[in-house]
Amino acid sequence: MDFAFVSGNPALDLAGTVTSRRDEPIELLAVPADLERWVAECDELPDRVTADSAAFESALSLREAIYRLACDRVLDRPFDPGGLEIVNNAAAGPMPAIELSDAGLRMSGDLRAVLSQIARSAVAVLADPGARLKECGRTGCTRIYLDRSRGARRTWCGMDECGNRVKAAAYRARRRALATAEGNGSEGTA
């Protein structure tokens, strides 16, 4: 499975590793190696971490807490106390080390530091009253994203997956409606 980093925030991208949560959830992080690969592919995190079973379960717990809190924010309701506790505890952990060189920024740290960085990212976006969090407009997609578009007009989590699907479905529906209208029109004239 390919991971999508379209939410505008690593914490929201982590929450998006379960797709179609309301219909038929698809788990993208089935084993610790999937989490290691996700972290390596996320530009804002260290690229080399290892995950044992306990750390993997902590990551999944953090992911679900972030998702619940993001839903709370989108729906303008009080934050889930259990989710707050999980995110705040993770945010209190160690931070990844950063190093500047001629090649650019290099980040390093273990999975605990990565989870702390993700939790702090969640805290920053969820605490920001100006952050425009939205759920994807494609039926079945439950990804929550940060809308930074001009005029807050973004509708889908990403064009490559959801936007193209919605546009293609709308095009097919228009074609079917046109074909049906033409078919009904020819019967009436005969």
C-alpha atoms as a PDB file:
ATOM      1  CA  MET A   1       0.000   0.000   0.000  1.00  0.00           C
ATOM      2  CA  ASP A   2       1.114   3.508  -0.748  1.00  0.00           C
ATOM      3  CA  PHE A   3       0.770   6.113   1.957  1.00  0.00           C
ATOM      4  CA  ALA A   4      -0.822   9.504   1.274  1.00  0.00           C
ATOM      5  CA  PHE A   5       0.663  12.594   2.876  1.00  0.00           C
ATOM      6  CA  VAL A   6      -2.025  15.091   1.880  1.00  0.00           C
ATOM      7  CA  SER A   7      -3.447  16.253   5.205  1.00  0.00           C
ATOM      8  CA  GLY A   8      -1.036  19.138   5.723  1.00  0.00           C
ATOM      9  CA  ASN A   9       0.117  17.847   9.102  1.00  0.00           C
ATOM     10  CA  PRO A  10       1.974  14.639  10.075  1.00  0.00           C
ATOM     11  CA  ALA A  11      -0.460  13.883  12.904  1.00  0.00           C
ATOM     12  CA  LEU A  12      -3.429  14.099  10.541  1.00  0.00           C
ATOM     13  CA  ASP A  13      -1.538  11.981   8.000  1.00  0.00           C
ATOM     14  CA  LEU A  14      -0.993   9.344  10.688  1.00  0.00           C
ATOM     15  CA  ALA A  15      -4.727   9.416  11.507  1.00  0.00           C
ATOM     16  CA  GLY A  16      -5.358   8.858   7.799  1.00  0.00           C
ATOM     17  CA  THR A  17      -3.624   5.474   7.849  1.00  0.00           C
ATOM     18  CA  VAL A  18      -7.036   3.925   8.400  1.00  0.00           C
ATOM     19  CA  THR A  19      -9.173   4.653   5.364  1.00  0.00           C
ATOM     20  CA  SER A  20     -12.956   4.445   4.953  1.00  0.00           C
ATOM     21  CA  ARG A  21     -13.476   4.314   8.719  1.00  0.00           C
ATOM     22  CA  ARG A  22     -17.288   4.435   8.516  1.00  0.00           C
ATOM     23  CA  ASP A  23     -17.792   1.884   5.731  1.00  0.00           C
ATOM     24  CA  GLU A  24     -15.159  -0.787   5.363  1.00  0.00           C
ATOM     25  CA  PRO A  25     -12.054   0.361   7.250  1.00  0.00           C
ATOM     26  CA  ILE A  26      -8.751  -0.443   5.615  1.00  0.00           C
ATOM     27  CA  GLU A  27      -5.766  -0.618   7.975  1.00  0.00           C
ATOM     28  CA  LEU A  28      -2.564   0.597   6.316  1.00  0.00           C
ATOM     29  CA  LEU A  29      -0.411  -0.079   9.395  1.00  0.00           C
ATOM     30  CA  ALA A  30      -0.954  -3.805   9.888  1.00  0.00           C
ATOM     31  CA  VAL A  31       2.499  -4.665  11.272  1.00  0.00           C
ATOM     32  CA  PRO A  32       5.412  -2.745  12.838  1.00  0.00           C
ATOM     33  CA  ALA A  33       7.282  -2.742   9.501  1.00  0.00           C
ATOM     34  CA  ASP A  34       4.406  -0.737   7.960  1.00  0.00           C
ATOM     35  CA  LEU A  35       4.826   1.909  10.653  1.00  0.00           C
ATOM     36  CA  GLU A  36       8.598   2.002  10.056  1.00  0.00           C
ATOM     37  CA  ARG A  37       7.961   2.543   6.330  1.00  0.00           C
ATOM     38  CA  TRP A  38       5.331   5.248   7.022  1.00  0.00           C
ATOM     39  CA  VAL A  39       7.760   7.151   9.275  1.00  0.00           C
ATOM     40  CA  ALA A  40      10.528   6.861   6.662  1.00  0.00           C
ATOM     41  CA  GLU A  41       8.225   8.263   3.961  1.00  0.00           C
ATOM     42  CA  CYS A  42       7.015  11.215   6.065  1.00  0.00           C
ATOM     43  CA  ASP A  43       9.247  14.204   5.222  1.00  0.00           C
ATOM     44  CA  GLU A  44       8.867  15.786   8.656  1.00  0.00           C
ATOM     45  CA  LEU A  45      10.163  12.806  10.656  1.00  0.00           C
ATOM     46  CA  PRO A  46      13.445  10.900  11.070  1.00  0.00           C
ATOM     47  CA  ASP A  47      13.842   8.362   8.298  1.00  0.00           C
ATOM     48  CA  ARG A  48      15.249   5.422  10.236  1.00  0.00           C
ATOM     49  CA  VAL A  49      13.301   4.055  13.168  1.00  0.00           C
ATOM     50  CA  THR A  50      12.485   0.580  14.347  1.00  0.00           C
ATOM     51  CA  ALA A  51       9.241  -0.472  15.963  1.00  0.00           C
ATOM     52  CA  ASP A  52       8.788  -3.354  18.355  1.00  0.00           C
ATOM     53  CA  SER A  53       5.312  -4.619  19.264  1.00  0.00           C
ATOM     54  CA  ALA A  54       4.893  -2.317  22.286  1.00  0.00           C
ATOM     55  CA  ALA A  55       5.962   0.811  20.383  1.00  0.00           C
ATOM     56  CA  PHE A  56       3.723  -0.203  17.487  1.00  0.00           C
ATOM     57  CA  GLU A  57       0.713  -0.476  19.809  1.00  0.00           C
ATOM     58  CA  SER A  58       1.575   2.938  21.290  1.00  0.00           C
ATOM     59  CA  ALA A  59       1.630   4.424  17.798  1.00  0.00           C
ATOM     60  CA  LEU A  60      -1.775   2.939  16.963  1.00  0.00           C
ATOM     61  CA  SER A  61      -3.193   4.231  20.250  1.00  0.00           C
ATOM     62  CA  LEU A  62      -1.813   7.706  19.489  1.00  0.00           C
ATOM     63  CA  ARG A  63      -3.225   7.557  15.954  1.00  0.00           C
ATOM     64  CA  GLU A  64      -6.728   6.746  17.212  1.00  0.00           C
ATOM     65  CA  ALA A  65      -6.559   9.472  19.868  1.00  0.00           C
ATOM     66  CA  ILE A  66      -5.517  12.032  17.239  1.00  0.00           C
ATOM     67  CA  TYR A  67      -8.364  10.961  14.977  1.00  0.00           C
ATOM     68  CA  ARG A  68     -10.946  11.261  17.789  1.00  0.00           C
ATOM     69  CA  LEU A  69      -9.664  14.706  18.769  1.00  0.00           C
ATOM     70  CA  ALA A  70      -9.598  15.890  15.145  1.00  0.00           C
ATOM     71  CA  CYS A  71     -13.205  14.714  14.724  1.00  0.00           C
ATOM     72  CA  ASP A  72     -14.101  16.568  17.910  1.00  0.00           C
ATOM     73  CA  ARG A  73     -12.553  19.711  16.475  1.00  0.00           C
ATOM     74  CA  VAL A  74     -14.256  19.338  13.071  1.00  0.00           C
ATOM     75  CA  LEU A  75     -17.630  18.737  14.741  1.00  0.00           C
ATOM     76  CA  ASP A  76     -17.065  21.592  17.233  1.00  0.00           C
ATOM     77  CA  ARG A  77     -17.549  19.461  20.333  1.00  0.00           C
ATOM     78  CA  PRO A  78     -15.455  19.107  23.518  1.00  0.00           C
ATOM     79  CA  PHE A  79     -12.301  17.036  23.196  1.00  0.00           C
ATOM     80  CA  ASP A  80     -12.431  13.385  24.259  1.00  0.00           C
ATOM     81  CA  PRO A  81     -10.682  13.263  27.686  1.00  0.00           C
ATOM     82  CA  GLY A  82      -9.037   9.884  26.974  1.00  0.00           C
ATOM     83  CA  GLY A  83      -7.696  11.178  23.663  1.00  0.00           C
ATOM     84  CA  LEU A  84      -6.339  14.289  25.350  1.00  0.00           C
ATOM     85  CA  GLU A  85      -4.495  12.189  27.911  1.00  0.00           C
ATOM     86  CA  ILE A  86      -2.879   9.980  25.256  1.00  0.00           C
ATOM     87  CA  VAL A  87      -1.810  12.903  23.048  1.00  0.00           C
ATOM     88  CA  ASN A  88      -0.546  15.035  25.943  1.00  0.00           C
ATOM     89  CA  ASN A  89       1.452  12.135  27.429  1.00  0.00           C
ATOM     90  CA  ALA A  90       3.044  11.396  24.063  1.00  0.00           C
ATOM     91  CA  ALA A  91       3.811  15.096  23.493  1.00  0.00           C
ATOM     92  CA  ALA A  92       5.762  15.175  26.780  1.00  0.00           C
ATOM     93  CA  GLY A  93       8.259  12.633  25.433  1.00  0.00           C
ATOM     94  CA  PRO A  94      11.701  13.278  23.924  1.00  0.00           C
ATOM     95  CA  MET A  95      12.095  15.221  20.690  1.00  0.00           C
ATOM     96  CA  PRO A  96      14.040  14.070  17.637  1.00  0.00           C
ATOM     97  CA  ALA A  97      17.500  15.583  17.322  1.00  0.00           C
ATOM     98  CA  ILE A  98      18.076  17.931  14.391  1.00  0.00           C
ATOM     99  CA  GLU A  99      21.299  18.760  12.636  1.00  0.00           C
ATOM    100  CA  LEU A 100      22.014  21.335   9.920  1.00  0.00           C
ATOM    101  CA  SER A 101      24.605  20.617   7.260  1.00  0.00           C
ATOM    102  CA  ASP A 102      25.372  21.652   3.688  1.00  0.00           C
ATOM    103  CA  ALA A 103      23.025  18.845   2.616  1.00  0.00           C
ATOM    104  CA  GLY A 104      20.172  20.407   4.625  1.00  0.00           C
ATOM    105  CA  LEU A 105      18.330  19.327   7.726  1.00  0.00           C
ATOM    106  CA  ARG A 106      18.848  15.865   9.162  1.00  0.00           C
ATOM    107  CA  MET A 107      16.565  14.517  11.857  1.00  0.00           C
ATOM    108  CA  SER A 108      17.274  11.514  14.057  1.00  0.00           C
ATOM    109  CA  GLY A 109      15.620   9.777  16.958  1.00  0.00           C
ATOM    110  CA  ASP A 110      13.897   6.610  18.057  1.00  0.00           C
ATOM    111  CA  LEU A 111      10.214   5.801  17.633  1.00  0.00           C
ATOM    112  CA  ARG A 112       9.371   7.324  21.013  1.00  0.00           C
ATOM    113  CA  ALA A 113      10.814  10.654  19.815  1.00  0.00           C
ATOM    114  CA  VAL A 114       8.888  10.306  16.544  1.00  0.00           C
ATOM    115  CA  LEU A 115       5.623   9.747  18.413  1.00  0.00           C
ATOM    116  CA  SER A 116       6.371  12.759  20.595  1.00  0.00           C
ATOM    117  CA  GLN A 117       6.966  14.875  17.484  1.00  0.00           C
ATOM    118  CA  ILE A 118       3.671  13.646  15.964  1.00  0.00           C
ATOM    119  CA  ALA A 119       1.779  14.350  19.201  1.00  0.00           C
ATOM    120  CA  ARG A 120       3.227  17.877  19.364  1.00  0.00           C
ATOM    121  CA  SER A 121       2.169  18.383  15.763  1.00  0.00           C
ATOM    122  CA  ALA A 122      -1.358  17.290  16.735  1.00  0.00           C
ATOM    123  CA  VAL A 123      -1.387  19.651  19.710  1.00  0.00           C
ATOM    124  CA  ALA A 124      -0.274  22.565  17.529  1.00  0.00           C
ATOM    125  CA  VAL A 125      -2.946  22.064  14.870  1.00  0.00           C
ATOM    126  CA  LEU A 126      -5.777  21.155  17.251  1.00  0.00           C
ATOM    127  CA  ALA A 127      -5.059  24.106  19.563  1.00  0.00           C
ATOM    128  CA  ASP A 128      -4.902  26.626  16.711  1.00  0.00           C
ATOM    129  CA  PRO A 129      -8.285  28.395  16.518  1.00  0.00           C
ATOM    130  CA  GLY A 130      -7.422  29.595  12.998  1.00  0.00           C
ATOM    131  CA  ALA A 131      -6.671  26.112  11.658  1.00  0.00           C
ATOM    132  CA  ARG A 132      -9.370  25.048   9.217  1.00  0.00           C
ATOM    133  CA  LEU A 133      -9.789  21.316   9.700  1.00  0.00           C
ATOM    134  CA  LYS A 134     -12.168  19.522   7.346  1.00  0.00           C
ATOM    135  CA  GLU A 135     -13.192  15.990   6.505  1.00  0.00           C
ATOM    136  CA  CYS A 136     -12.786  14.956   2.883  1.00  0.00           C
ATOM    137  CA  GLY A 137     -15.874  15.571   0.755  1.00  0.00           C
ATOM    138  CA  ARG A 138     -15.682  12.229  -1.060  1.00  0.00           C
ATOM    139  CA  THR A 139     -18.294   9.794   0.219  1.00  0.00           C
ATOM    140  CA  GLY A 140     -16.513   7.035   2.104  1.00  0.00           C
ATOM    141  CA  CYS A 141     -13.292   8.967   2.736  1.00  0.00           C
ATOM    142  CA  THR A 142     -12.826   9.859   6.386  1.00  0.00           C
ATOM    143  CA  ARG A 143      -9.474  11.631   6.126  1.00  0.00           C
ATOM    144  CA  ILE A 144      -9.277  14.905   8.035  1.00  0.00           C
ATOM    145  CA  TYR A 145      -7.061  17.565   6.517  1.00  0.00           C
ATOM    146  CA  LEU A 146      -5.861  21.093   7.140  1.00  0.00           C
ATOM    147  CA  ASP A 147      -7.401  23.423   4.540  1.00  0.00           C
ATOM    148  CA  ARG A 148      -4.848  26.083   3.676  1.00  0.00           C
ATOM    149  CA  SER A 149      -6.447  26.954   0.350  1.00  0.00           C
ATOM    150  CA  ARG A 150      -7.355  30.476  -0.572  1.00  0.00           C
ATOM    151  CA  GLY A 151     -10.862  31.140   0.662  1.00  0.00           C
ATOM    152  CA  ALA A 152     -10.997  27.739   2.417  1.00  0.00           C
ATOM    153  CA  ARG A 153     -12.510  26.140  -0.694  1.00  0.00           C
ATOM    154  CA  ARG A 154     -10.660  22.855  -0.650  1.00  0.00           C
ATOM    155  CA  THR A 155     -13.144  19.981  -0.815  1.00  0.00           C
ATOM    156  CA  TRP A 156     -11.065  16.802  -0.916  1.00  0.00           C
ATOM    157  CA  CYS A 157      -8.136  15.515   1.084  1.00  0.00           C
ATOM    158  CA  GLY A 158      -6.182  15.234  -2.167  1.00  0.00           C
ATOM    159  CA  MET A 159      -6.774  15.485  -5.901  1.00  0.00           C
ATOM    160  CA  ASP A 160      -4.806  12.375  -6.863  1.00  0.00           C
ATOM    161  CA  GLU A 161      -7.072   9.998  -5.017  1.00  0.00           C
ATOM    162  CA  CYS A 162     -10.342  11.540  -3.892  1.00  0.00           C
ATOM    163  CA  GLY A 163     -10.687  14.584  -6.138  1.00  0.00           C
ATOM    164  CA  ASN A 164     -10.142  12.594  -9.307  1.00  0.00           C
ATOM    165  CA  ARG A 165     -12.587   9.895  -8.160  1.00  0.00           C
ATOM    166  CA  VAL A 166     -15.323  12.437  -7.447  1.00  0.00           C
ATOM    167  CA  LYS A 167     -14.777  14.260 -10.729  1.00  0.00           C
ATOM    168  CA  ALA A 168     -14.730  11.019 -12.737  1.00  0.00           C
ATOM    169  CA  ALA A 169     -17.939   9.799 -11.044  1.00  0.00           C
ATOM    170  CA  ALA A 170     -19.655  13.138 -11.748  1.00  0.00           C
ATOM    171  CA  TYR A 171     -18.578  12.945 -15.400  1.00  0.00           C
ATOM    172  CA  ARG A 172     -19.929   9.382 -15.726  1.00  0.00           C
ATOM    173  CA  ALA A 173     -23.222  10.435 -14.096  1.00  0.00           C
ATOM    174  CA  ARG A 174     -23.588  13.357 -16.525  1.00  0.00           C
ATOM    175  CA  ARG A 175     -22.897  11.048 -19.485  1.00  0.00           C
ATOM    176  CA  ARG A 176     -25.477   8.512 -18.258  1.00  0.00           C
ATOM    177  CA  ALA A 177     -28.065  11.255 -17.702  1.00  0.00           C
ATOM    178  CA  LEU A 178     -27.433  12.648 -21.178  1.00  0.00           C
ATOM    179  CA  ALA A 179     -27.694   9.198 -22.751  1.00  0.00           C
ATOM    180  CA  THR A 180     -30.931   8.513 -20.845  1.00  0.00           C
ATOM    181  CA  ALA A 181     -32.392  11.895 -21.845  1.00  0.00           C
ATOM    182  CA  GLU A 182     -31.463  11.300 -25.493  1.00  0.00           C
ATOM    183  CA  GLY A 183     -32.973   7.807 -25.345  1.00  0.00           C
ATOM    184  CA  ASN A 184     -36.216   9.121 -23.837  1.00  0.00           C
ATOM    185  CA  GLY A 185     -36.352  11.995 -26.304  1.00  0.00           C
ATOM    186  CA  SER A 186     -36.118   9.716 -29.346  1.00  0.00           C
ATOM    187  CA  GLU A 187     -38.985   7.533 -28.058  1.00  0.00           C
ATOM    188  CA  GLY A 188     -41.261  10.533 -27.686  1.00  0.00           C
ATOM    189  CA  THR A 189     -40.728  11.678 -31.285  1.00  0.00           C
ATOM    190  CA  ALA A 190     -41.452   8.361 -32.961  1.00  0.00           C
END
